[in-house]
């Protein structure tokens, strides 16, 4: 799935990419600003928690996922028109300092717009994996993508 425009996506296509190392410094800095729960920011409190040590905020993991997606196929040279949202987001396993994350994306559905011939919607299944291949986060999202070559507008029949 190297495409950047609507025509480039095919149901069943899978792409795996990225490599992002989660450092303790970055985990704590993100959490202090956006999710200051003790198991994200305080080593001693995290050790006493059910996690047994510092873990990344799920929102940090989701942000890393988004960054990898933008770097791979949503960047400025793509036909990305944004997203109306996600259907499901799950944090399945803790992300710890030193974990190396990568992203797997599968195309689940490709739907041309009925009212706007210059675009379409693409449903994507995202999985963030750690260095051991464990899925640490999953999400189902919808992306809107411009067509590289818009279809001609249809004239309503009378």
N, C-alpha and C. Protein backbone atom coordinates (compact mmCIF):
# COMPACT_ATOMS: atom_id res chain seq x y z
N UNK A 1 0.85 -1.18 0.00
CA UNK A 1 0.00 0.00 0.00
C UNK A 1 0.89 1.24 0.00
N UNK A 2 1.39 1.58 -1.16
CA UNK A 2 2.25 2.76 -1.23
C UNK A 2 1.51 3.96 -1.78
N UNK A 3 0.23 3.80 -2.04
CA UNK A 3 -0.55 4.85 -2.67
C UNK A 3 -0.84 6.02 -1.75
N UNK A 4 -1.03 7.14 -2.41
CA UNK A 4 -1.36 8.35 -1.69
C UNK A 4 -2.70 8.91 -2.09
N UNK A 5 -3.30 8.37 -3.14
CA UNK A 5 -4.58 8.87 -3.63
C UNK A 5 -5.60 7.74 -3.61
N UNK A 6 -6.85 8.09 -3.74
CA UNK A 6 -7.94 7.13 -3.62
C UNK A 6 -7.73 5.89 -4.50
N UNK A 7 -7.32 6.09 -5.76
CA UNK A 7 -7.15 4.98 -6.70
C UNK A 7 -6.08 3.97 -6.27
N UNK A 8 -5.21 4.36 -5.37
CA UNK A 8 -4.08 3.51 -4.99
C UNK A 8 -4.44 2.44 -3.95
N UNK A 9 -5.62 2.54 -3.34
CA UNK A 9 -6.00 1.61 -2.29
C UNK A 9 -6.83 0.46 -2.84
N UNK A 10 -6.49 -0.76 -2.42
CA UNK A 10 -7.22 -1.97 -2.80
C UNK A 10 -7.56 -2.75 -1.53
N UNK A 11 -8.80 -3.21 -1.43
CA UNK A 11 -9.21 -4.00 -0.28
C UNK A 11 -8.27 -5.19 -0.13
N UNK A 12 -7.82 -5.40 1.10
CA UNK A 12 -6.91 -6.51 1.38
C UNK A 12 -5.44 -6.14 1.36
N UNK A 13 -5.10 -4.99 0.77
CA UNK A 13 -3.69 -4.55 0.77
C UNK A 13 -3.23 -4.35 2.22
N UNK A 14 -2.01 -4.78 2.50
CA UNK A 14 -1.41 -4.63 3.82
C UNK A 14 -0.04 -4.01 3.64
N UNK A 15 0.28 -3.05 4.49
CA UNK A 15 1.60 -2.43 4.48
C UNK A 15 2.08 -2.39 5.92
N UNK A 16 3.34 -2.71 6.14
CA UNK A 16 3.94 -2.64 7.47
C UNK A 16 5.19 -1.80 7.38
N UNK A 17 5.33 -0.85 8.28
CA UNK A 17 6.42 0.11 8.15
C UNK A 17 6.66 0.84 9.47
N UNK A 18 7.66 1.68 9.44
CA UNK A 18 7.97 2.54 10.57
C UNK A 18 8.86 1.86 11.59
N UNK A 19 9.47 2.68 12.37
CA UNK A 19 10.26 2.20 13.50
C UNK A 19 10.44 3.39 14.43
N UNK A 20 9.79 3.30 15.57
CA UNK A 20 9.86 4.39 16.54
C UNK A 20 10.21 3.82 17.90
N UNK A 21 11.34 4.24 18.46
CA UNK A 21 11.76 3.78 19.78
C UNK A 21 11.15 4.69 20.84
N UNK A 22 10.46 4.08 21.79
CA UNK A 22 9.82 4.82 22.89
C UNK A 22 10.82 4.94 24.04
N UNK A 23 11.33 6.13 24.23
CA UNK A 23 12.27 6.36 25.33
C UNK A 23 11.50 6.75 26.59
N UNK A 24 12.10 6.48 27.74
CA UNK A 24 11.45 6.86 28.99
C UNK A 24 11.29 8.37 29.07
N UNK A 25 12.27 9.10 28.58
CA UNK A 25 12.19 10.56 28.62
C UNK A 25 10.99 11.07 27.81
N UNK A 26 10.80 10.51 26.62
CA UNK A 26 9.68 10.93 25.78
C UNK A 26 8.34 10.51 26.39
N UNK A 27 8.29 9.30 26.96
CA UNK A 27 7.06 8.81 27.59
C UNK A 27 6.66 9.74 28.74
N UNK A 28 7.60 10.07 29.59
CA UNK A 28 7.31 10.93 30.74
C UNK A 28 6.96 12.35 30.28
N UNK A 29 7.69 12.89 29.31
CA UNK A 29 7.41 14.25 28.83
C UNK A 29 6.01 14.34 28.23
N UNK A 30 5.63 13.37 27.39
CA UNK A 30 4.29 13.38 26.80
C UNK A 30 3.24 13.30 27.91
N UNK A 31 3.42 12.37 28.83
CA UNK A 31 2.44 12.16 29.89
C UNK A 31 2.33 13.38 30.82
N UNK A 32 3.44 14.02 31.13
CA UNK A 32 3.37 15.21 31.99
C UNK A 32 2.51 16.29 31.35
N UNK A 33 2.57 16.38 30.03
CA UNK A 33 1.80 17.41 29.35
C UNK A 33 0.35 16.99 29.11
N UNK A 34 0.11 15.71 28.76
CA UNK A 34 -1.21 15.32 28.29
C UNK A 34 -1.94 14.24 29.10
N UNK A 35 -1.22 13.44 29.89
CA UNK A 35 -1.86 12.32 30.59
C UNK A 35 -1.07 12.01 31.86
N UNK A 36 -1.07 12.93 32.83
CA UNK A 36 -0.17 12.80 33.98
C UNK A 36 -0.62 11.82 35.06
N UNK A 37 -0.94 10.61 34.65
CA UNK A 37 -1.25 9.57 35.62
C UNK A 37 0.06 9.02 36.19
N UNK A 38 0.05 8.62 37.47
CA UNK A 38 1.30 8.21 38.13
C UNK A 38 2.10 7.14 37.41
N UNK A 39 1.44 6.16 36.78
CA UNK A 39 2.19 5.08 36.13
C UNK A 39 2.82 5.52 34.82
N UNK A 40 2.54 6.75 34.39
CA UNK A 40 3.20 7.31 33.21
C UNK A 40 4.36 8.24 33.59
N UNK A 41 4.32 8.82 34.78
CA UNK A 41 5.29 9.90 35.09
C UNK A 41 6.16 9.67 36.32
N UNK A 42 5.78 8.75 37.20
CA UNK A 42 6.50 8.56 38.46
C UNK A 42 7.01 7.13 38.56
N UNK A 43 8.33 6.97 38.51
CA UNK A 43 8.92 5.63 38.49
C UNK A 43 8.51 4.77 39.69
N UNK A 44 8.52 5.36 40.87
CA UNK A 44 8.18 4.60 42.08
C UNK A 44 6.70 4.22 42.08
N UNK A 45 5.83 5.16 41.76
CA UNK A 45 4.40 4.86 41.70
C UNK A 45 4.12 3.83 40.61
N UNK A 46 4.82 3.94 39.50
CA UNK A 46 4.63 2.98 38.40
C UNK A 46 5.07 1.59 38.82
N UNK A 47 6.15 1.50 39.57
CA UNK A 47 6.65 0.21 40.05
C UNK A 47 5.61 -0.47 40.96
N UNK A 48 4.90 0.34 41.75
CA UNK A 48 3.88 -0.20 42.66
C UNK A 48 2.55 -0.49 41.95
N UNK A 49 2.40 -0.02 40.74
CA UNK A 49 1.13 -0.20 40.01
C UNK A 49 1.04 -1.62 39.44
N UNK A 50 -0.11 -1.94 38.87
CA UNK A 50 -0.28 -3.25 38.24
C UNK A 50 0.63 -3.43 37.03
N UNK A 51 1.20 -2.32 36.54
CA UNK A 51 2.09 -2.40 35.37
C UNK A 51 3.53 -2.72 35.75
N UNK A 52 3.91 -2.49 37.01
CA UNK A 52 5.25 -2.82 37.47
C UNK A 52 6.34 -1.91 36.95
N UNK A 53 5.99 -0.80 36.35
CA UNK A 53 6.98 0.16 35.83
C UNK A 53 6.30 1.16 34.91
N UNK A 54 7.08 2.13 34.50
CA UNK A 54 6.58 3.20 33.62
C UNK A 54 6.04 2.59 32.33
N UNK A 55 4.87 3.08 31.92
CA UNK A 55 4.32 2.72 30.60
C UNK A 55 3.90 4.00 29.88
N UNK A 56 3.86 3.91 28.57
CA UNK A 56 3.44 5.06 27.76
C UNK A 56 1.93 5.24 27.86
N UNK A 57 1.50 6.47 27.79
CA UNK A 57 0.09 6.77 27.65
C UNK A 57 -0.40 6.17 26.33
N UNK A 58 -1.61 5.64 26.33
CA UNK A 58 -2.18 5.16 25.09
C UNK A 58 -2.28 6.26 24.05
N UNK A 59 -2.51 7.48 24.52
CA UNK A 59 -2.59 8.62 23.59
C UNK A 59 -1.24 8.90 22.96
N UNK A 60 -0.17 8.62 23.67
CA UNK A 60 1.17 8.76 23.11
C UNK A 60 1.36 7.72 22.00
N UNK A 61 0.95 6.49 22.28
CA UNK A 61 1.04 5.43 21.28
C UNK A 61 0.22 5.79 20.04
N UNK A 62 -0.98 6.31 20.25
CA UNK A 62 -1.83 6.72 19.12
C UNK A 62 -1.17 7.85 18.33
N UNK A 63 -0.50 8.76 19.02
CA UNK A 63 0.19 9.86 18.34
C UNK A 63 1.36 9.35 17.51
N UNK A 64 2.10 8.39 18.02
CA UNK A 64 3.20 7.78 17.28
C UNK A 64 2.64 7.07 16.04
N UNK A 65 1.52 6.38 16.21
CA UNK A 65 0.85 5.71 15.08
C UNK A 65 0.53 6.74 14.00
N UNK A 66 -0.03 7.85 14.39
CA UNK A 66 -0.40 8.89 13.43
C UNK A 66 0.83 9.43 12.72
N UNK A 67 1.90 9.64 13.46
CA UNK A 67 3.13 10.16 12.85
C UNK A 67 3.67 9.20 11.79
N UNK A 68 3.68 7.91 12.12
CA UNK A 68 4.18 6.93 11.15
C UNK A 68 3.28 6.90 9.90
N UNK A 69 1.97 7.03 10.10
CA UNK A 69 1.04 7.04 8.96
C UNK A 69 1.26 8.27 8.09
N UNK A 70 1.46 9.43 8.70
CA UNK A 70 1.71 10.65 7.93
C UNK A 70 3.02 10.53 7.16
N UNK A 71 4.04 10.02 7.81
CA UNK A 71 5.34 9.88 7.14
C UNK A 71 5.26 8.93 5.96
N UNK A 72 4.40 7.91 6.04
CA UNK A 72 4.33 6.89 4.98
C UNK A 72 3.39 7.26 3.84
N UNK A 73 2.17 7.74 4.17
CA UNK A 73 1.24 7.95 3.07
C UNK A 73 0.23 9.08 3.26
N UNK A 74 0.30 9.85 4.31
CA UNK A 74 -0.66 10.94 4.51
C UNK A 74 -0.01 12.32 4.41
N UNK A 75 1.24 12.36 4.02
CA UNK A 75 2.00 13.61 3.99
C UNK A 75 1.53 14.58 2.92
N UNK A 76 2.28 15.66 2.77
CA UNK A 76 1.87 16.76 1.89
C UNK A 76 1.73 16.40 0.42
N UNK A 77 2.37 15.32 -0.04
CA UNK A 77 2.25 14.95 -1.46
C UNK A 77 1.11 13.98 -1.70
N UNK A 78 0.33 13.69 -0.68
CA UNK A 78 -0.77 12.72 -0.82
C UNK A 78 -2.08 13.42 -1.13
N UNK A 79 -3.08 12.63 -1.38
CA UNK A 79 -4.43 13.14 -1.61
C UNK A 79 -5.28 13.10 -0.35
N UNK A 80 -4.64 13.01 0.82
CA UNK A 80 -5.39 12.94 2.07
C UNK A 80 -6.23 14.20 2.27
N UNK A 81 -7.50 13.97 2.58
CA UNK A 81 -8.43 15.08 2.85
C UNK A 81 -8.89 15.07 4.30
N UNK A 82 -8.18 14.34 5.15
CA UNK A 82 -8.56 14.26 6.55
C UNK A 82 -9.40 13.03 6.84
N UNK A 83 -10.06 13.06 7.99
CA UNK A 83 -10.81 11.90 8.44
C UNK A 83 -12.04 12.34 9.23
N UNK A 84 -13.16 11.63 9.00
CA UNK A 84 -14.32 11.92 9.84
C UNK A 84 -14.25 11.22 11.20
N UNK A 85 -13.23 10.38 11.42
CA UNK A 85 -13.06 9.77 12.73
C UNK A 85 -12.64 8.32 12.68
N UNK A 86 -12.66 7.72 13.86
CA UNK A 86 -12.32 6.31 14.00
C UNK A 86 -13.50 5.57 14.62
N UNK A 87 -13.60 4.30 14.31
CA UNK A 87 -14.69 3.49 14.85
C UNK A 87 -14.32 2.82 16.16
N UNK A 88 -13.07 2.50 16.33
CA UNK A 88 -12.66 1.73 17.49
C UNK A 88 -11.18 1.97 17.75
N UNK A 89 -10.83 2.11 19.01
CA UNK A 89 -9.43 2.26 19.41
C UNK A 89 -9.22 1.39 20.64
N UNK A 90 -8.22 0.51 20.59
CA UNK A 90 -7.94 -0.39 21.71
C UNK A 90 -6.45 -0.36 22.04
N UNK A 91 -6.17 -0.22 23.32
CA UNK A 91 -4.80 -0.36 23.82
C UNK A 91 -4.72 -1.75 24.43
N UNK A 92 -4.00 -2.64 23.77
CA UNK A 92 -4.04 -4.06 24.09
C UNK A 92 -2.93 -4.52 25.04
N UNK A 93 -1.78 -3.87 24.96
CA UNK A 93 -0.65 -4.22 25.83
C UNK A 93 0.10 -2.94 26.17
N UNK A 94 0.71 -2.90 27.36
CA UNK A 94 1.47 -1.71 27.72
C UNK A 94 2.68 -1.50 26.80
N UNK A 95 2.95 -0.24 26.53
CA UNK A 95 4.16 0.13 25.78
C UNK A 95 5.14 0.65 26.82
N UNK A 96 6.34 0.09 26.81
CA UNK A 96 7.34 0.38 27.83
C UNK A 96 8.55 1.10 27.24
N UNK A 97 9.30 1.77 28.09
CA UNK A 97 10.55 2.39 27.60
C UNK A 97 11.42 1.34 26.91
N UNK A 98 11.96 1.72 25.77
CA UNK A 98 12.81 0.81 24.99
C UNK A 98 12.06 0.05 23.92
N UNK A 99 10.72 0.02 23.99
CA UNK A 99 9.96 -0.67 22.94
C UNK A 99 10.15 0.06 21.60
N UNK A 100 10.26 -0.73 20.54
CA UNK A 100 10.33 -0.19 19.18
C UNK A 100 9.02 -0.52 18.49
N UNK A 101 8.32 0.52 18.09
CA UNK A 101 6.99 0.35 17.49
C UNK A 101 7.05 0.46 15.98
N UNK A 102 6.19 -0.31 15.33
CA UNK A 102 6.00 -0.21 13.89
C UNK A 102 4.50 -0.29 13.63
N UNK A 103 4.10 0.03 12.41
CA UNK A 103 2.69 0.13 12.09
C UNK A 103 2.34 -0.82 10.96
N UNK A 104 1.22 -1.51 11.12
CA UNK A 104 0.66 -2.34 10.05
C UNK A 104 -0.72 -1.77 9.73
N UNK A 105 -0.96 -1.54 8.44
CA UNK A 105 -2.25 -1.01 8.00
C UNK A 105 -2.82 -1.93 6.93
N UNK A 106 -4.08 -2.29 7.10
CA UNK A 106 -4.78 -3.10 6.11
C UNK A 106 -5.97 -2.30 5.57
N UNK A 107 -6.14 -2.34 4.27
CA UNK A 107 -7.28 -1.67 3.64
C UNK A 107 -8.49 -2.59 3.80
N UNK A 108 -9.53 -2.10 4.48
CA UNK A 108 -10.72 -2.89 4.74
C UNK A 108 -11.85 -2.60 3.76
N UNK A 109 -11.94 -1.35 3.32
CA UNK A 109 -13.04 -0.97 2.43
C UNK A 109 -12.65 0.28 1.65
N UNK A 110 -13.05 0.32 0.39
CA UNK A 110 -12.78 1.47 -0.48
C UNK A 110 -14.12 1.87 -1.10
N UNK A 111 -14.57 3.08 -0.81
CA UNK A 111 -15.89 3.50 -1.26
C UNK A 111 -15.82 4.85 -1.98
N UNK A 112 -16.09 4.86 -3.27
CA UNK A 112 -16.13 6.15 -3.98
C UNK A 112 -17.29 7.00 -3.45
N UNK A 113 -17.09 8.28 -3.40
CA UNK A 113 -18.16 9.18 -3.00
C UNK A 113 -19.23 9.22 -4.09
N UNK A 114 -20.48 9.17 -3.68
CA UNK A 114 -21.58 9.26 -4.65
C UNK A 114 -21.87 10.72 -5.02
N UNK A 115 -21.58 11.63 -4.11
CA UNK A 115 -21.92 13.03 -4.37
C UNK A 115 -20.74 13.89 -4.82
N UNK A 116 -19.51 13.40 -4.56
CA UNK A 116 -18.32 14.17 -4.92
C UNK A 116 -17.37 13.27 -5.70
N UNK A 117 -17.38 13.36 -7.04
CA UNK A 117 -16.61 12.43 -7.87
C UNK A 117 -15.09 12.60 -7.76
N UNK A 118 -14.65 13.62 -7.04
CA UNK A 118 -13.21 13.86 -6.91
C UNK A 118 -12.59 13.16 -5.71
N UNK A 119 -13.38 12.29 -5.00
CA UNK A 119 -12.85 11.70 -3.77
C UNK A 119 -13.55 10.40 -3.41
N UNK A 120 -13.06 9.80 -2.32
CA UNK A 120 -13.68 8.60 -1.79
C UNK A 120 -13.21 8.36 -0.36
N UNK A 121 -13.83 7.38 0.28
CA UNK A 121 -13.50 7.03 1.66
C UNK A 121 -12.77 5.69 1.68
N UNK A 122 -11.79 5.58 2.55
CA UNK A 122 -11.02 4.35 2.71
C UNK A 122 -11.05 3.96 4.19
N UNK A 123 -11.59 2.78 4.47
CA UNK A 123 -11.57 2.27 5.85
C UNK A 123 -10.28 1.47 6.03
N UNK A 124 -9.56 1.81 7.07
CA UNK A 124 -8.26 1.21 7.33
C UNK A 124 -8.24 0.57 8.72
N UNK A 125 -7.60 -0.61 8.82
CA UNK A 125 -7.35 -1.26 10.11
C UNK A 125 -5.89 -1.03 10.47
N UNK A 126 -5.68 -0.32 11.55
CA UNK A 126 -4.34 -0.01 12.03
C UNK A 126 -3.98 -0.97 13.16
N UNK A 127 -2.74 -1.45 13.15
CA UNK A 127 -2.19 -2.20 14.27
C UNK A 127 -0.80 -1.66 14.55
N UNK A 128 -0.57 -1.30 15.81
CA UNK A 128 0.77 -0.90 16.24
C UNK A 128 1.38 -2.11 16.92
N UNK A 129 2.57 -2.49 16.45
CA UNK A 129 3.24 -3.68 16.97
C UNK A 129 4.53 -3.28 17.67
N UNK A 130 4.91 -4.04 18.68
CA UNK A 130 6.20 -3.81 19.32
C UNK A 130 7.26 -4.69 18.66
N UNK A 131 8.47 -4.62 19.17
CA UNK A 131 9.60 -5.35 18.58
C UNK A 131 9.41 -6.86 18.62
N UNK A 132 8.55 -7.36 19.49
CA UNK A 132 8.29 -8.80 19.56
C UNK A 132 7.15 -9.24 18.67
N UNK A 133 6.55 -8.28 17.95
CA UNK A 133 5.42 -8.61 17.08
C UNK A 133 4.08 -8.59 17.78
N UNK A 134 4.06 -8.21 19.06
CA UNK A 134 2.80 -8.11 19.79
C UNK A 134 2.04 -6.87 19.35
N UNK A 135 0.74 -7.01 19.15
CA UNK A 135 -0.10 -5.86 18.83
C UNK A 135 -0.38 -5.12 20.14
N UNK A 136 0.10 -3.88 20.23
CA UNK A 136 -0.07 -3.10 21.45
C UNK A 136 -1.24 -2.12 21.33
N UNK A 137 -1.63 -1.80 20.10
CA UNK A 137 -2.76 -0.90 19.87
C UNK A 137 -3.42 -1.26 18.55
N UNK A 138 -4.74 -1.16 18.49
CA UNK A 138 -5.44 -1.34 17.23
C UNK A 138 -6.48 -0.24 17.10
N UNK A 139 -6.80 0.09 15.87
CA UNK A 139 -7.83 1.08 15.62
C UNK A 139 -8.35 0.91 14.21
N UNK A 140 -9.61 1.21 14.03
CA UNK A 140 -10.25 1.20 12.72
C UNK A 140 -10.59 2.64 12.38
N UNK A 141 -10.05 3.11 11.29
CA UNK A 141 -10.25 4.50 10.92
C UNK A 141 -10.80 4.66 9.52
N UNK A 142 -11.25 5.85 9.25
CA UNK A 142 -11.77 6.21 7.93
C UNK A 142 -10.96 7.39 7.43
N UNK A 143 -10.41 7.26 6.24
CA UNK A 143 -9.69 8.37 5.62
C UNK A 143 -10.41 8.81 4.37
N UNK A 144 -10.44 10.10 4.15
CA UNK A 144 -10.98 10.64 2.90
C UNK A 144 -9.80 10.98 2.01
N UNK A 145 -9.87 10.53 0.75
CA UNK A 145 -8.76 10.73 -0.18
C UNK A 145 -9.27 11.29 -1.50
N UNK A 146 -8.53 12.26 -2.02
CA UNK A 146 -8.82 12.80 -3.35
C UNK A 146 -8.42 11.77 -4.38
N UNK A 147 -9.11 11.82 -5.51
CA UNK A 147 -8.70 11.02 -6.66
C UNK A 147 -7.57 11.76 -7.36
N UNK A 148 -6.66 11.01 -7.89
CA UNK A 148 -5.58 11.59 -8.68
C UNK A 148 -6.19 12.27 -9.92
N UNK A 149 -7.15 11.60 -10.54
CA UNK A 149 -7.87 12.12 -11.69
C UNK A 149 -9.36 12.05 -11.38
N UNK A 150 -10.01 13.17 -11.09
CA UNK A 150 -11.44 13.12 -10.75
C UNK A 150 -12.28 12.54 -11.88
N UNK A 151 -13.30 11.81 -11.49
CA UNK A 151 -14.26 11.29 -12.47
C UNK A 151 -15.10 12.46 -12.99
N UNK A 152 -15.60 12.35 -14.20
CA UNK A 152 -16.47 13.43 -14.70
C UNK A 152 -17.76 13.46 -13.88
N UNK A 153 -18.27 14.64 -13.65
CA UNK A 153 -19.54 14.79 -12.94
C UNK A 153 -20.66 14.21 -13.78
N UNK A 154 -21.57 13.55 -13.11
CA UNK A 154 -22.70 12.98 -13.85
C UNK A 154 -23.86 13.95 -13.83
N UNK A 155 -24.60 13.94 -14.93
CA UNK A 155 -25.77 14.80 -15.03
C UNK A 155 -26.99 13.97 -14.65
N UNK A 156 -27.79 14.46 -13.71
CA UNK A 156 -28.97 13.68 -13.32
C UNK A 156 -29.88 13.45 -14.51
N UNK A 157 -30.40 12.23 -14.62
CA UNK A 157 -31.32 11.95 -15.73
C UNK A 157 -32.71 12.47 -15.39
N UNK A 158 -33.45 12.83 -16.42
CA UNK A 158 -34.80 13.36 -16.21
C UNK A 158 -35.84 12.41 -16.70
